[in-house]
Amino acid sequence: MDTSETYVRMANHPKIQEQWDKTDNEFSISYKDKNIWISHEGNFTYKAEIWLPRQDQIQKMIGKTESAFCIYRSGNRWGGEIYRDREQVFTIEMDSPEQLWLAFYMDECHKLVWYGEKWDKK
């Protein structure tokens, strides 16, 4: 499970956090950055809790789609492509499969792309 600073920043977006079913208390991490505290089940006092979805949870968030996803690993990087109507429409490389699937979700469902620091329109 990716708990890197990059993944925390990627997951800290309203479109992702609104998907969190807080009754299914799956995963949170300890992390502090720019006055944001995240906790392991109340081990720390925190100002904000950020849900880090697992790969299977992200795939459920995407749901049924007409797109095809191609995934590959090259060394320590994960790459992927999205195809629609047999045409490649999106290509990205990330550090983990969770980052990759989160990028797929944001492109597929919200037309947003990760630009290293934040999500933005293509």
N, C-alpha and C. Protein backbone atom coordinates (compact mmCIF):
# COMPACT_ATOMS: atom_id res chain seq x y z
N MET A 1 0.84 -1.18 0.00
CA MET A 1 0.00 0.00 0.00
C MET A 1 0.88 1.24 0.00
N ASP A 2 0.63 2.12 -0.92
CA ASP A 2 1.40 3.34 -1.05
C ASP A 2 1.01 4.33 0.05
N THR A 3 1.99 4.76 0.84
CA THR A 3 1.77 5.80 1.85
C THR A 3 2.73 6.96 1.65
N SER A 4 3.20 7.10 0.42
CA SER A 4 4.17 8.16 0.11
C SER A 4 3.52 9.53 0.18
N GLU A 5 4.36 10.54 0.31
CA GLU A 5 3.89 11.92 0.32
C GLU A 5 3.13 12.24 -0.97
N THR A 6 3.62 11.75 -2.10
CA THR A 6 2.94 12.00 -3.37
C THR A 6 1.54 11.42 -3.36
N TYR A 7 1.39 10.19 -2.88
CA TYR A 7 0.06 9.57 -2.87
C TYR A 7 -0.89 10.29 -1.90
N VAL A 8 -0.36 10.73 -0.77
CA VAL A 8 -1.18 11.50 0.16
C VAL A 8 -1.69 12.77 -0.52
N ARG A 9 -0.80 13.46 -1.22
CA ARG A 9 -1.21 14.68 -1.93
C ARG A 9 -2.24 14.36 -3.03
N MET A 10 -2.04 13.27 -3.74
CA MET A 10 -2.98 12.89 -4.79
C MET A 10 -4.35 12.57 -4.20
N ALA A 11 -4.37 11.84 -3.09
CA ALA A 11 -5.64 11.41 -2.49
C ALA A 11 -6.38 12.56 -1.81
N ASN A 12 -5.67 13.61 -1.46
CA ASN A 12 -6.27 14.74 -0.75
C ASN A 12 -6.98 15.68 -1.72
N HIS A 13 -8.00 15.17 -2.38
CA HIS A 13 -8.81 15.95 -3.32
C HIS A 13 -10.28 15.65 -3.02
N PRO A 14 -11.14 16.66 -3.05
CA PRO A 14 -12.56 16.44 -2.71
C PRO A 14 -13.23 15.34 -3.54
N LYS A 15 -12.90 15.22 -4.81
CA LYS A 15 -13.52 14.19 -5.66
C LYS A 15 -13.16 12.78 -5.20
N ILE A 16 -12.02 12.65 -4.55
CA ILE A 16 -11.60 11.35 -4.03
C ILE A 16 -12.15 11.15 -2.62
N GLN A 17 -11.98 12.15 -1.78
CA GLN A 17 -12.40 12.03 -0.38
C GLN A 17 -13.91 11.84 -0.24
N GLU A 18 -14.70 12.38 -1.17
CA GLU A 18 -16.15 12.21 -1.07
C GLU A 18 -16.58 10.77 -1.34
N GLN A 19 -15.68 9.96 -1.89
CA GLN A 19 -15.97 8.55 -2.14
C GLN A 19 -15.80 7.68 -0.89
N TRP A 20 -15.18 8.24 0.14
CA TRP A 20 -14.86 7.49 1.34
C TRP A 20 -16.10 7.16 2.14
N ASP A 21 -16.35 5.89 2.32
CA ASP A 21 -17.42 5.42 3.19
C ASP A 21 -16.81 5.28 4.58
N LYS A 22 -17.03 6.27 5.43
CA LYS A 22 -16.36 6.29 6.73
C LYS A 22 -16.84 5.18 7.65
N THR A 23 -17.93 4.52 7.33
CA THR A 23 -18.35 3.37 8.13
C THR A 23 -17.47 2.16 7.82
N ASP A 24 -16.82 2.19 6.68
CA ASP A 24 -15.88 1.14 6.28
C ASP A 24 -14.48 1.69 6.51
N ASN A 25 -14.09 1.78 7.77
CA ASN A 25 -12.86 2.48 8.17
C ASN A 25 -11.63 1.70 7.74
N GLU A 26 -11.28 1.83 6.47
CA GLU A 26 -10.24 0.98 5.88
C GLU A 26 -8.81 1.41 6.20
N PHE A 27 -8.47 2.65 5.92
CA PHE A 27 -7.05 2.98 6.01
C PHE A 27 -6.84 4.47 6.15
N SER A 28 -6.03 4.85 7.09
CA SER A 28 -5.52 6.21 7.19
C SER A 28 -4.07 6.09 7.64
N ILE A 29 -3.30 7.13 7.46
CA ILE A 29 -1.88 7.04 7.80
C ILE A 29 -1.48 8.19 8.71
N SER A 30 -0.31 8.07 9.29
CA SER A 30 0.26 9.16 10.06
C SER A 30 1.12 9.99 9.12
N TYR A 31 0.82 11.26 9.06
CA TYR A 31 1.53 12.12 8.12
C TYR A 31 1.33 13.56 8.53
N LYS A 32 2.35 14.37 8.47
CA LYS A 32 2.23 15.79 8.77
C LYS A 32 2.88 16.57 7.63
N ASP A 33 2.12 17.50 7.06
CA ASP A 33 2.65 18.34 6.01
C ASP A 33 1.82 19.62 5.97
N LYS A 34 2.46 20.75 6.12
CA LYS A 34 1.78 22.04 6.05
C LYS A 34 0.52 22.07 6.92
N ASN A 35 0.70 21.70 8.18
CA ASN A 35 -0.38 21.74 9.17
C ASN A 35 -1.48 20.72 8.95
N ILE A 36 -1.23 19.72 8.15
CA ILE A 36 -2.20 18.63 8.01
C ILE A 36 -1.68 17.44 8.80
N TRP A 37 -2.46 16.97 9.73
CA TRP A 37 -2.11 15.76 10.48
C TRP A 37 -3.05 14.65 10.06
N ILE A 38 -2.52 13.52 9.80
CA ILE A 38 -3.33 12.35 9.51
C ILE A 38 -3.00 11.31 10.58
N SER A 39 -3.96 10.54 11.00
CA SER A 39 -3.70 9.64 12.12
C SER A 39 -4.00 8.19 11.81
N HIS A 40 -3.38 7.31 12.57
CA HIS A 40 -3.74 5.89 12.61
C HIS A 40 -4.80 5.74 13.69
N GLU A 41 -6.05 5.68 13.30
CA GLU A 41 -7.13 5.36 14.23
C GLU A 41 -6.99 6.06 15.59
N GLY A 42 -6.78 7.35 15.58
CA GLY A 42 -6.79 8.11 16.81
C GLY A 42 -5.51 8.08 17.61
N ASN A 43 -4.41 7.57 17.06
CA ASN A 43 -3.16 7.57 17.79
C ASN A 43 -2.60 8.97 17.97
N PHE A 44 -2.99 9.90 17.12
CA PHE A 44 -2.52 11.26 17.19
C PHE A 44 -3.71 12.22 17.12
N THR A 45 -3.51 13.40 17.66
CA THR A 45 -4.49 14.46 17.42
C THR A 45 -4.22 14.94 16.01
N TYR A 46 -5.27 15.16 15.26
CA TYR A 46 -5.05 15.56 13.88
C TYR A 46 -6.01 16.67 13.48
N LYS A 47 -5.60 17.44 12.50
CA LYS A 47 -6.43 18.51 11.96
C LYS A 47 -7.25 18.01 10.78
N ALA A 48 -6.74 17.05 10.09
CA ALA A 48 -7.44 16.50 8.93
C ALA A 48 -7.09 15.03 8.80
N GLU A 49 -8.04 14.25 8.38
CA GLU A 49 -7.78 12.84 8.11
C GLU A 49 -7.99 12.62 6.62
N ILE A 50 -7.03 11.98 6.00
CA ILE A 50 -7.09 11.76 4.56
C ILE A 50 -7.18 10.26 4.31
N TRP A 51 -8.21 9.89 3.57
CA TRP A 51 -8.40 8.50 3.18
C TRP A 51 -7.47 8.18 2.02
N LEU A 52 -6.75 7.07 2.14
CA LEU A 52 -5.90 6.59 1.06
C LEU A 52 -6.53 5.32 0.51
N PRO A 53 -7.23 5.42 -0.62
CA PRO A 53 -7.90 4.23 -1.15
C PRO A 53 -6.91 3.18 -1.65
N ARG A 54 -7.27 1.94 -1.40
CA ARG A 54 -6.50 0.82 -1.93
C ARG A 54 -6.82 0.67 -3.42
N GLN A 55 -6.00 -0.08 -4.10
CA GLN A 55 -6.20 -0.29 -5.54
C GLN A 55 -7.57 -0.87 -5.84
N ASP A 56 -8.03 -1.86 -5.09
CA ASP A 56 -9.34 -2.46 -5.35
C ASP A 56 -10.48 -1.46 -5.11
N GLN A 57 -10.30 -0.57 -4.15
CA GLN A 57 -11.32 0.45 -3.89
C GLN A 57 -11.39 1.45 -5.05
N ILE A 58 -10.24 1.80 -5.59
CA ILE A 58 -10.21 2.74 -6.73
C ILE A 58 -10.88 2.10 -7.94
N GLN A 59 -10.61 0.83 -8.17
CA GLN A 59 -11.23 0.14 -9.30
C GLN A 59 -12.75 0.12 -9.15
N LYS A 60 -13.26 -0.05 -7.93
CA LYS A 60 -14.70 0.01 -7.69
C LYS A 60 -15.23 1.42 -7.94
N MET A 61 -14.45 2.43 -7.60
CA MET A 61 -14.85 3.82 -7.82
C MET A 61 -15.00 4.11 -9.32
N ILE A 62 -14.15 3.52 -10.12
CA ILE A 62 -14.23 3.72 -11.57
C ILE A 62 -15.51 3.11 -12.11
N GLY A 63 -15.86 1.94 -11.60
CA GLY A 63 -17.09 1.28 -12.03
C GLY A 63 -17.00 0.77 -13.46
N LYS A 64 -18.16 0.54 -14.04
CA LYS A 64 -18.20 0.05 -15.42
C LYS A 64 -17.86 1.19 -16.37
N THR A 65 -17.09 0.85 -17.37
CA THR A 65 -16.64 1.86 -18.32
C THR A 65 -16.45 1.22 -19.68
N GLU A 66 -16.49 2.02 -20.70
CA GLU A 66 -16.23 1.54 -22.07
C GLU A 66 -14.74 1.57 -22.39
N SER A 67 -13.95 2.15 -21.49
CA SER A 67 -12.51 2.28 -21.72
C SER A 67 -11.79 0.98 -21.43
N ALA A 68 -10.65 0.81 -22.06
CA ALA A 68 -9.75 -0.32 -21.80
C ALA A 68 -8.50 0.22 -21.13
N PHE A 69 -8.00 -0.48 -20.13
CA PHE A 69 -6.83 -0.05 -19.39
C PHE A 69 -5.69 -1.02 -19.65
N CYS A 70 -4.54 -0.49 -20.02
CA CYS A 70 -3.33 -1.29 -20.23
C CYS A 70 -2.32 -0.86 -19.17
N ILE A 71 -1.80 -1.83 -18.42
CA ILE A 71 -0.89 -1.52 -17.32
C ILE A 71 0.42 -2.28 -17.53
N TYR A 72 1.53 -1.62 -17.24
CA TYR A 72 2.83 -2.27 -17.33
C TYR A 72 3.75 -1.75 -16.24
N ARG A 73 4.79 -2.51 -15.96
CA ARG A 73 5.79 -2.10 -14.98
C ARG A 73 7.14 -2.07 -15.66
N SER A 74 7.86 -0.98 -15.45
CA SER A 74 9.19 -0.83 -16.01
C SER A 74 10.12 -0.40 -14.89
N GLY A 75 10.92 -1.33 -14.40
CA GLY A 75 11.79 -1.04 -13.26
C GLY A 75 10.95 -0.73 -12.04
N ASN A 76 11.15 0.43 -11.45
CA ASN A 76 10.39 0.83 -10.27
C ASN A 76 9.16 1.67 -10.61
N ARG A 77 8.88 1.87 -11.87
CA ARG A 77 7.76 2.71 -12.30
C ARG A 77 6.61 1.86 -12.82
N TRP A 78 5.41 2.38 -12.64
CA TRP A 78 4.19 1.76 -13.16
C TRP A 78 3.65 2.65 -14.25
N GLY A 79 3.34 2.07 -15.38
CA GLY A 79 2.80 2.84 -16.50
C GLY A 79 1.44 2.32 -16.89
N GLY A 80 0.71 3.19 -17.54
CA GLY A 80 -0.60 2.77 -17.98
C GLY A 80 -1.14 3.63 -19.10
N GLU A 81 -2.06 3.04 -19.82
CA GLU A 81 -2.69 3.73 -20.94
C GLU A 81 -4.19 3.46 -20.88
N ILE A 82 -4.97 4.44 -21.32
CA ILE A 82 -6.41 4.26 -21.45
C ILE A 82 -6.76 4.35 -22.92
N TYR A 83 -7.56 3.40 -23.36
CA TYR A 83 -8.03 3.37 -24.76
C TYR A 83 -9.54 3.51 -24.77
N ARG A 84 -10.03 4.35 -25.68
CA ARG A 84 -11.47 4.47 -25.93
C ARG A 84 -11.69 4.32 -27.42
N ASP A 85 -12.59 3.46 -27.78
CA ASP A 85 -12.87 3.19 -29.20
C ASP A 85 -11.59 2.87 -29.95
N ARG A 86 -10.76 2.02 -29.32
CA ARG A 86 -9.49 1.55 -29.90
C ARG A 86 -8.46 2.65 -30.12
N GLU A 87 -8.68 3.80 -29.54
CA GLU A 87 -7.74 4.91 -29.69
C GLU A 87 -7.15 5.24 -28.32
N GLN A 88 -5.82 5.36 -28.26
CA GLN A 88 -5.16 5.70 -27.01
C GLN A 88 -5.46 7.16 -26.68
N VAL A 89 -6.00 7.40 -25.47
CA VAL A 89 -6.38 8.75 -25.09
C VAL A 89 -5.64 9.27 -23.86
N PHE A 90 -4.93 8.39 -23.16
CA PHE A 90 -4.27 8.81 -21.92
C PHE A 90 -3.11 7.89 -21.63
N THR A 91 -1.95 8.44 -21.31
CA THR A 91 -0.76 7.67 -20.94
C THR A 91 -0.11 8.34 -19.74
N ILE A 92 0.32 7.53 -18.79
CA ILE A 92 0.96 8.10 -17.60
C ILE A 92 1.90 7.08 -16.98
N GLU A 93 2.91 7.57 -16.27
CA GLU A 93 3.79 6.73 -15.46
C GLU A 93 3.77 7.26 -14.04
N MET A 94 3.69 6.34 -13.07
CA MET A 94 3.63 6.71 -11.67
C MET A 94 4.55 5.80 -10.86
N ASP A 95 4.66 6.09 -9.56
CA ASP A 95 5.55 5.33 -8.68
C ASP A 95 4.92 4.08 -8.08
N SER A 96 3.59 3.96 -8.13
CA SER A 96 2.94 2.81 -7.50
C SER A 96 1.66 2.48 -8.26
N PRO A 97 1.16 1.25 -8.09
CA PRO A 97 -0.10 0.92 -8.74
C PRO A 97 -1.26 1.75 -8.20
N GLU A 98 -1.23 2.13 -6.91
CA GLU A 98 -2.30 2.98 -6.36
C GLU A 98 -2.31 4.35 -7.03
N GLN A 99 -1.12 4.93 -7.22
CA GLN A 99 -1.05 6.22 -7.91
C GLN A 99 -1.57 6.10 -9.34
N LEU A 100 -1.20 5.02 -10.00
CA LEU A 100 -1.62 4.80 -11.38
C LEU A 100 -3.15 4.69 -11.47
N TRP A 101 -3.75 3.85 -10.61
CA TRP A 101 -5.20 3.68 -10.66
C TRP A 101 -5.94 4.95 -10.24
N LEU A 102 -5.35 5.72 -9.31
CA LEU A 102 -5.97 6.99 -8.94
C LEU A 102 -5.95 7.96 -10.12
N ALA A 103 -4.86 7.95 -10.87
CA ALA A 103 -4.78 8.77 -12.08
C ALA A 103 -5.80 8.33 -13.12
N PHE A 104 -5.98 7.01 -13.28
CA PHE A 104 -7.02 6.50 -14.17
C PHE A 104 -8.40 6.99 -13.73
N TYR A 105 -8.68 6.86 -12.42
CA TYR A 105 -9.98 7.28 -11.90
C TYR A 105 -10.25 8.75 -12.17
N MET A 106 -9.28 9.60 -11.86
CA MET A 106 -9.48 11.04 -12.03
C MET A 106 -9.64 11.42 -13.50
N ASP A 107 -8.92 10.74 -14.39
CA ASP A 107 -9.08 11.00 -15.82
C ASP A 107 -10.44 10.50 -16.31
N GLU A 108 -10.75 9.27 -15.97
CA GLU A 108 -11.97 8.63 -16.46
C GLU A 108 -13.24 9.28 -15.93
N CYS A 109 -13.26 9.63 -14.66
CA CYS A 109 -14.49 10.11 -14.03
C CYS A 109 -14.58 11.62 -13.88
N HIS A 110 -13.44 12.32 -13.88
CA HIS A 110 -13.47 13.76 -13.64
C HIS A 110 -12.66 14.57 -14.63
N LYS A 111 -12.03 13.91 -15.60
CA LYS A 111 -11.23 14.59 -16.63
C LYS A 111 -10.14 15.48 -16.03
N LEU A 112 -9.50 14.96 -14.96
CA LEU A 112 -8.40 15.66 -14.31
C LEU A 112 -7.13 14.83 -14.43
N VAL A 113 -5.99 15.52 -14.50
CA VAL A 113 -4.69 14.88 -14.64
C VAL A 113 -3.77 15.36 -13.52
N TRP A 114 -2.94 14.48 -12.99
CA TRP A 114 -1.97 14.82 -11.96
C TRP A 114 -0.74 15.44 -12.62
N TYR A 115 -0.43 16.68 -12.22
CA TYR A 115 0.71 17.39 -12.78
C TYR A 115 1.85 17.52 -11.77
N GLY A 116 2.05 16.50 -10.95
CA GLY A 116 3.18 16.48 -10.02
C GLY A 116 2.92 17.15 -8.69
N GLU A 117 2.07 18.14 -8.65
CA GLU A 117 1.74 18.83 -7.41
C GLU A 117 0.25 18.92 -7.16
N LYS A 118 -0.55 18.88 -8.24
CA LYS A 118 -1.99 19.01 -8.08
C LYS A 118 -2.71 18.43 -9.28
N TRP A 119 -4.03 18.21 -9.10
CA TRP A 119 -4.89 17.77 -10.18
C TRP A 119 -5.34 18.99 -10.95
N ASP A 120 -5.39 18.87 -12.28
CA ASP A 120 -5.86 19.97 -13.10
C ASP A 120 -6.47 19.40 -14.37
N LYS A 121 -7.21 20.24 -15.07
CA LYS A 121 -7.82 19.81 -16.34
C LYS A 121 -6.73 19.56 -17.36
N LYS A 122 -7.04 18.65 -18.29
CA LYS A 122 -6.09 18.32 -19.37
C LYS A 122 -5.80 19.54 -20.21
